[in-house]
């Protein structure tokens, strides 16, 4: 991110701007995410993303694509606020403590800040994403276990408290380690467009946001599959005792390496518009400070 101001925005600015990013991301991306999660976690129910979309709309209406909408509506606002707010804080910390004399923080600094923000937001994301995933895979009355996010949270809490709600914390942190790629590529792409085109700042933010998110999902997707498989595991009789158990399951019972790419198409289709709009909104608000 080019640092055109001598004084960066205050540390709290990123948390406020992240709220607007989360609202935009959820509004654009949730239907794509529903298809992705269903493909990741089902066995033979759908032949692909188009088949999943058609069957979902036919059997459940358009509302079926928005199942589990409430957790990410609240969750994305909270997660993007924490993610982008902490990213801004970590960028300032790294710049001031490791590159104080540099006019512009080098790429390694942006990668380090991205990694730290990914691990930080995992503390918020793990329970939210588990609620979302469990609600998204309720296909019909037979598979319905929870009446909504509050009921889902209550039942998980009743089972074993925070331990159950945070079952997916380690897989979430592994998945978000790929923020190194996201924020590293965001810096590279932003600099390229700024130096080689006449695009406005808003346009640069939009394209850099969408393209960097695409880079992120290409590298992070297999770990997202493993994460979601673990998150919808049976809480009473869990199949996966370790992270490697879920990796072996996806490989042996989901078609080998292809199992790690289930739902990839809707994820990539979602990643560009949702994140392009979200980061454009974030950067716009940041410029107001």
Protein backbone atom coordinates (compact mmCIF):
# COMPACT_ATOMS: atom_id res chain seq x y z
CA UNK A 1 0.00 0.00 0.00
CA UNK A 2 1.65 3.26 -1.06
CA UNK A 3 2.30 5.54 1.90
CA UNK A 4 1.63 8.97 0.46
CA UNK A 5 0.91 10.65 3.81
CA UNK A 6 3.67 11.69 6.20
CA UNK A 7 1.37 10.82 9.09
CA UNK A 8 -0.49 7.51 8.81
CA UNK A 9 -4.13 7.25 9.90
CA UNK A 10 -4.62 6.68 13.65
CA UNK A 11 -4.38 3.10 14.89
CA UNK A 12 -8.11 2.83 15.50
CA UNK A 13 -8.97 3.87 11.93
CA UNK A 14 -8.51 0.38 10.48
CA UNK A 15 -11.04 -1.11 12.90
CA UNK A 16 -13.68 1.40 11.82
CA UNK A 17 -12.92 1.02 8.11
CA UNK A 18 -13.01 -2.77 8.51
CA UNK A 19 -16.69 -2.58 9.50
CA UNK A 20 -17.58 -1.21 6.07
CA UNK A 21 -15.37 -3.82 4.41
CA UNK A 22 -17.18 -6.64 6.20
CA UNK A 23 -20.63 -5.35 5.26
CA UNK A 24 -19.67 -5.11 1.61
CA UNK A 25 -17.97 -8.52 1.54
CA UNK A 26 -20.95 -10.37 3.00
CA UNK A 27 -23.51 -8.66 0.77
CA UNK A 28 -21.63 -9.67 -2.38
CA UNK A 29 -20.12 -13.01 -1.43
CA UNK A 30 -22.47 -15.11 0.72
CA UNK A 31 -24.28 -17.08 -2.03
CA UNK A 32 -20.92 -18.10 -3.52
CA UNK A 33 -19.73 -19.13 -0.08
CA UNK A 34 -22.80 -21.30 0.53
CA UNK A 35 -22.19 -23.23 -2.68
CA UNK A 36 -18.51 -23.59 -1.83
CA UNK A 37 -19.14 -25.01 1.65
CA UNK A 38 -21.78 -27.42 0.40
CA UNK A 39 -19.45 -28.77 -2.25
CA UNK A 40 -16.59 -29.04 0.24
CA UNK A 41 -18.57 -31.02 2.80
CA UNK A 42 -21.01 -33.16 0.80
CA UNK A 43 -20.30 -36.58 -0.67
CA UNK A 44 -21.88 -37.16 -4.08
CA UNK A 45 -24.86 -34.87 -3.52
CA UNK A 46 -23.82 -32.43 -6.26
CA UNK A 47 -21.89 -32.83 -9.50
CA UNK A 48 -20.49 -29.30 -9.43
CA UNK A 49 -21.16 -25.66 -8.53
CA UNK A 50 -23.88 -25.11 -11.13
CA UNK A 51 -25.67 -28.31 -10.10
CA UNK A 52 -25.41 -27.27 -6.45
CA UNK A 53 -26.83 -23.82 -7.20
CA UNK A 54 -29.73 -25.18 -9.27
CA UNK A 55 -30.67 -27.88 -6.74
CA UNK A 56 -30.43 -25.45 -3.85
CA UNK A 57 -32.74 -22.93 -5.53
CA UNK A 58 -35.13 -25.67 -6.73
CA UNK A 59 -35.44 -27.34 -3.34
CA UNK A 60 -34.99 -24.42 -0.96
CA UNK A 61 -35.55 -21.30 -3.02
CA UNK A 62 -33.11 -18.43 -3.34
CA UNK A 63 -33.15 -18.24 0.45
CA UNK A 64 -31.25 -21.53 0.46
CA UNK A 65 -28.19 -19.69 -0.86
CA UNK A 66 -28.43 -17.35 2.12
CA UNK A 67 -28.62 -19.98 4.83
CA UNK A 68 -26.17 -19.14 7.56
CA UNK A 69 -26.30 -15.50 6.47
CA UNK A 70 -26.65 -14.01 9.94
CA UNK A 71 -23.37 -15.27 11.45
CA UNK A 72 -21.24 -13.85 8.63
CA UNK A 73 -23.34 -10.66 8.49
CA UNK A 74 -22.34 -10.00 12.07
CA UNK A 75 -19.20 -12.07 11.73
CA UNK A 76 -17.70 -10.46 8.64
CA UNK A 77 -18.20 -7.03 10.14
CA UNK A 78 -16.42 -8.16 13.30
CA UNK A 79 -13.79 -10.23 11.46
CA UNK A 80 -12.91 -7.57 8.90
CA UNK A 81 -12.79 -4.96 11.64
CA UNK A 82 -10.32 -7.10 13.60
CA UNK A 83 -8.43 -8.28 10.51
CA UNK A 84 -7.97 -4.91 8.84
CA UNK A 85 -7.71 -3.01 12.09
CA UNK A 86 -4.94 -5.27 13.37
CA UNK A 87 -3.31 -5.24 9.93
CA UNK A 88 -3.04 -1.45 10.12
CA UNK A 89 -1.68 -1.64 13.69
CA UNK A 90 0.84 -4.34 12.78
CA UNK A 91 1.99 -2.40 9.71
CA UNK A 92 2.72 0.64 11.88
CA UNK A 93 4.43 -1.50 14.50
CA UNK A 94 6.67 -3.26 11.98
CA UNK A 95 7.49 -0.03 10.15
CA UNK A 96 8.29 1.94 13.29
CA UNK A 97 10.32 -0.79 14.98
CA UNK A 98 12.08 -2.62 12.15
CA UNK A 99 12.24 -0.11 9.27
CA UNK A 100 12.15 3.29 11.00
CA UNK A 101 14.41 4.99 8.46
CA UNK A 102 12.81 3.53 5.35
CA UNK A 103 10.64 5.92 3.35
CA UNK A 104 8.41 2.97 2.51
CA UNK A 105 8.07 -0.35 4.30
CA UNK A 106 9.51 -3.24 2.25
CA UNK A 107 7.46 -6.19 1.07
CA UNK A 108 8.65 -8.46 3.88
CA UNK A 109 7.14 -6.04 6.38
CA UNK A 110 3.75 -6.22 4.71
CA UNK A 111 3.93 -10.03 4.65
CA UNK A 112 4.78 -10.13 8.36
CA UNK A 113 1.92 -7.77 9.23
CA UNK A 114 -0.43 -9.87 7.11
CA UNK A 115 0.58 -13.07 8.89
CA UNK A 116 0.07 -11.52 12.33
CA UNK A 117 -3.34 -10.12 11.36
CA UNK A 118 -4.35 -13.56 10.05
CA UNK A 119 -3.50 -15.24 13.32
CA UNK A 120 -5.18 -12.47 15.30
CA UNK A 121 -8.49 -12.59 13.42
CA UNK A 122 -8.53 -16.40 13.75
CA UNK A 123 -9.46 -15.93 17.40
CA UNK A 124 -12.67 -14.26 16.25
CA UNK A 125 -13.21 -16.22 13.04
CA UNK A 126 -13.03 -19.79 14.38
CA UNK A 127 -16.39 -19.87 16.23
CA UNK A 128 -18.17 -17.67 13.69
CA UNK A 129 -17.12 -19.81 10.74
CA UNK A 130 -18.12 -22.97 12.55
CA UNK A 131 -21.67 -21.66 13.08
CA UNK A 132 -21.84 -20.59 9.44
CA UNK A 133 -20.61 -23.93 8.10
CA UNK A 134 -22.97 -26.00 10.26
CA UNK A 135 -25.97 -23.96 9.15
CA UNK A 136 -24.96 -24.02 5.49
CA UNK A 137 -24.96 -27.83 5.33
CA UNK A 138 -28.53 -28.19 6.60
CA UNK A 139 -30.13 -29.22 3.32
CA UNK A 140 -33.61 -30.22 4.44
CA UNK A 141 -35.73 -31.19 7.44
CA UNK A 142 -33.86 -34.48 7.84
CA UNK A 143 -30.47 -32.81 8.08
CA UNK A 144 -31.69 -29.89 10.19
CA UNK A 145 -30.13 -29.91 13.63
CA UNK A 146 -30.16 -26.18 14.44
CA UNK A 147 -32.95 -23.64 14.10
CA UNK A 148 -30.52 -20.76 13.67
CA UNK A 149 -27.16 -19.32 14.72
CA UNK A 150 -28.17 -18.70 18.34
CA UNK A 151 -29.52 -22.24 18.70
CA UNK A 152 -26.37 -23.60 17.07
CA UNK A 153 -24.10 -21.60 19.37
CA UNK A 154 -26.10 -22.64 22.44
CA UNK A 155 -25.99 -26.35 21.57
CA UNK A 156 -22.26 -26.27 20.85
CA UNK A 157 -21.61 -24.38 24.06
CA UNK A 158 -23.80 -26.80 26.01
CA UNK A 159 -21.74 -29.70 24.72
CA UNK A 160 -18.31 -28.59 25.92
CA UNK A 161 -18.21 -24.81 26.18
CA UNK A 162 -15.45 -22.87 24.47
CA UNK A 163 -13.61 -26.06 23.61
CA UNK A 164 -16.35 -27.02 21.16
CA UNK A 165 -16.81 -23.53 19.75
CA UNK A 166 -13.06 -23.25 19.15
CA UNK A 167 -12.61 -26.73 17.73
CA UNK A 168 -11.52 -25.23 14.42
CA UNK A 169 -9.02 -22.70 15.81
CA UNK A 170 -5.83 -24.46 14.68
CA UNK A 171 -7.22 -25.22 11.19
CA UNK A 172 -8.35 -21.59 10.98
CA UNK A 173 -4.88 -20.32 11.87
CA UNK A 174 -3.28 -22.69 9.34
CA UNK A 175 -5.69 -21.40 6.68
CA UNK A 176 -5.00 -17.76 7.52
CA UNK A 177 -1.24 -18.23 7.47
CA UNK A 178 -1.74 -17.69 3.74
CA UNK A 179 -2.40 -14.03 4.51
CA UNK A 180 1.30 -13.72 3.73
CA UNK A 181 0.33 -14.26 0.10
CA UNK A 182 -2.75 -12.02 0.26
CA UNK A 183 -1.14 -8.91 1.71
CA UNK A 184 2.17 -9.44 -0.02
CA UNK A 185 0.48 -9.63 -3.42
CA UNK A 186 -1.79 -6.71 -2.51
CA UNK A 187 1.26 -4.53 -1.95
CA UNK A 188 2.92 -5.68 -5.19
CA UNK A 189 -0.20 -5.19 -7.32
CA UNK A 190 -1.05 -1.85 -5.73
CA UNK A 191 2.45 -0.53 -6.41
CA UNK A 192 2.39 -1.79 -9.99
CA UNK A 193 -0.94 -0.13 -10.85
CA UNK A 194 0.04 3.08 -9.08
CA UNK A 195 3.34 3.37 -10.93
CA UNK A 196 2.28 2.09 -14.36
CA UNK A 197 -1.31 3.24 -14.89
CA UNK A 198 -3.42 6.36 -14.58
CA UNK A 199 -6.15 4.64 -12.60
CA UNK A 200 -7.72 6.46 -9.68
CA UNK A 201 -6.94 5.35 -6.14
CA UNK A 202 -10.37 3.75 -5.86
CA UNK A 203 -9.82 1.76 -9.05
CA UNK A 204 -6.35 0.66 -7.91
CA UNK A 205 -7.79 -0.50 -4.59
CA UNK A 206 -10.60 -2.38 -6.35
CA UNK A 207 -8.36 -4.27 -8.77
CA UNK A 208 -5.59 -4.90 -6.26
CA UNK A 209 -8.14 -6.14 -3.73
CA UNK A 210 -9.74 -8.56 -6.16
CA UNK A 211 -6.52 -9.89 -7.70
CA UNK A 212 -4.69 -10.30 -4.39
CA UNK A 213 -7.67 -12.18 -2.93
CA UNK A 214 -7.57 -14.49 -5.94
CA UNK A 215 -3.87 -15.17 -5.28
CA UNK A 216 -4.73 -15.91 -1.65
CA UNK A 217 -7.50 -18.40 -2.45
CA UNK A 218 -5.39 -20.27 -4.97
CA UNK A 219 -2.78 -20.99 -2.30
CA UNK A 220 -5.10 -21.29 0.70
CA UNK A 221 -7.96 -23.35 -0.72
CA UNK A 222 -6.82 -26.86 0.28
CA UNK A 223 -6.48 -25.77 3.90
CA UNK A 224 -9.97 -24.23 3.72
CA UNK A 225 -11.41 -27.59 2.69
CA UNK A 226 -9.73 -29.31 5.64
CA UNK A 227 -10.90 -26.54 7.99
CA UNK A 228 -14.55 -26.86 7.01
CA UNK A 229 -14.51 -30.66 7.19
CA UNK A 230 -13.22 -30.40 10.77
CA UNK A 231 -15.73 -27.72 11.70
CA UNK A 232 -18.80 -29.79 10.79
CA UNK A 233 -17.49 -32.93 12.45
CA UNK A 234 -19.83 -34.70 14.87
CA UNK A 235 -19.36 -33.14 18.29
CA UNK A 236 -20.50 -36.24 20.21
CA UNK A 237 -18.37 -38.74 18.33
CA UNK A 238 -15.73 -36.77 16.41
CA UNK A 239 -14.10 -38.52 13.49
CA UNK A 240 -11.05 -36.29 13.41
CA UNK A 241 -8.83 -36.31 16.50
CA UNK A 242 -6.00 -34.48 14.74
CA UNK A 243 -5.60 -32.12 11.80
CA UNK A 244 -3.78 -34.84 9.85
CA UNK A 245 -6.79 -37.15 10.28
CA UNK A 246 -8.92 -34.70 8.30
CA UNK A 247 -6.22 -34.34 5.64
CA UNK A 248 -6.09 -38.13 5.22
CA UNK A 249 -9.90 -38.29 5.09
CA UNK A 250 -10.14 -35.71 2.31
CA UNK A 251 -7.44 -37.48 0.32
CA UNK A 252 -8.65 -41.09 0.75
CA UNK A 253 -12.42 -40.57 0.65
CA UNK A 254 -12.88 -37.48 -1.49
CA UNK A 255 -10.97 -38.53 -4.60
CA UNK A 256 -7.32 -37.95 -3.81
CA UNK A 257 -5.87 -34.53 -4.55
CA UNK A 258 -9.11 -33.53 -6.27
CA UNK A 259 -10.78 -33.68 -2.88
CA UNK A 260 -8.84 -30.59 -1.85
CA UNK A 261 -10.32 -28.59 -4.75
CA UNK A 262 -14.04 -29.25 -4.20
CA UNK A 263 -15.95 -25.98 -4.33
CA UNK A 264 -12.96 -24.14 -5.80
CA UNK A 265 -14.88 -22.57 -8.70
CA UNK A 266 -17.49 -20.72 -6.59
CA UNK A 267 -14.74 -19.69 -4.21
CA UNK A 268 -12.70 -18.08 -6.98
CA UNK A 269 -15.81 -16.54 -8.55
CA UNK A 270 -16.64 -15.05 -5.17
CA UNK A 271 -13.14 -13.94 -4.21
CA UNK A 272 -12.69 -11.21 -6.79
CA UNK A 273 -15.95 -9.22 -6.57
CA UNK A 274 -16.41 -9.67 -2.81
CA UNK A 275 -12.88 -8.68 -1.84
CA UNK A 276 -12.46 -6.05 -4.55
CA UNK A 277 -15.56 -4.26 -3.26
CA UNK A 278 -14.59 -4.83 0.37
CA UNK A 279 -11.04 -3.47 0.09
CA UNK A 280 -12.15 -0.55 -2.04
CA UNK A 281 -14.61 0.34 0.74
CA UNK A 282 -11.88 -0.11 3.38
CA UNK A 283 -9.35 2.10 1.62
CA UNK A 284 -11.99 4.75 0.91
CA UNK A 285 -12.86 5.04 4.59
CA UNK A 286 -9.17 5.03 5.55
CA UNK A 287 -8.58 8.04 3.29
CA UNK A 288 -11.17 9.97 5.28
CA UNK A 289 -8.91 10.01 8.35
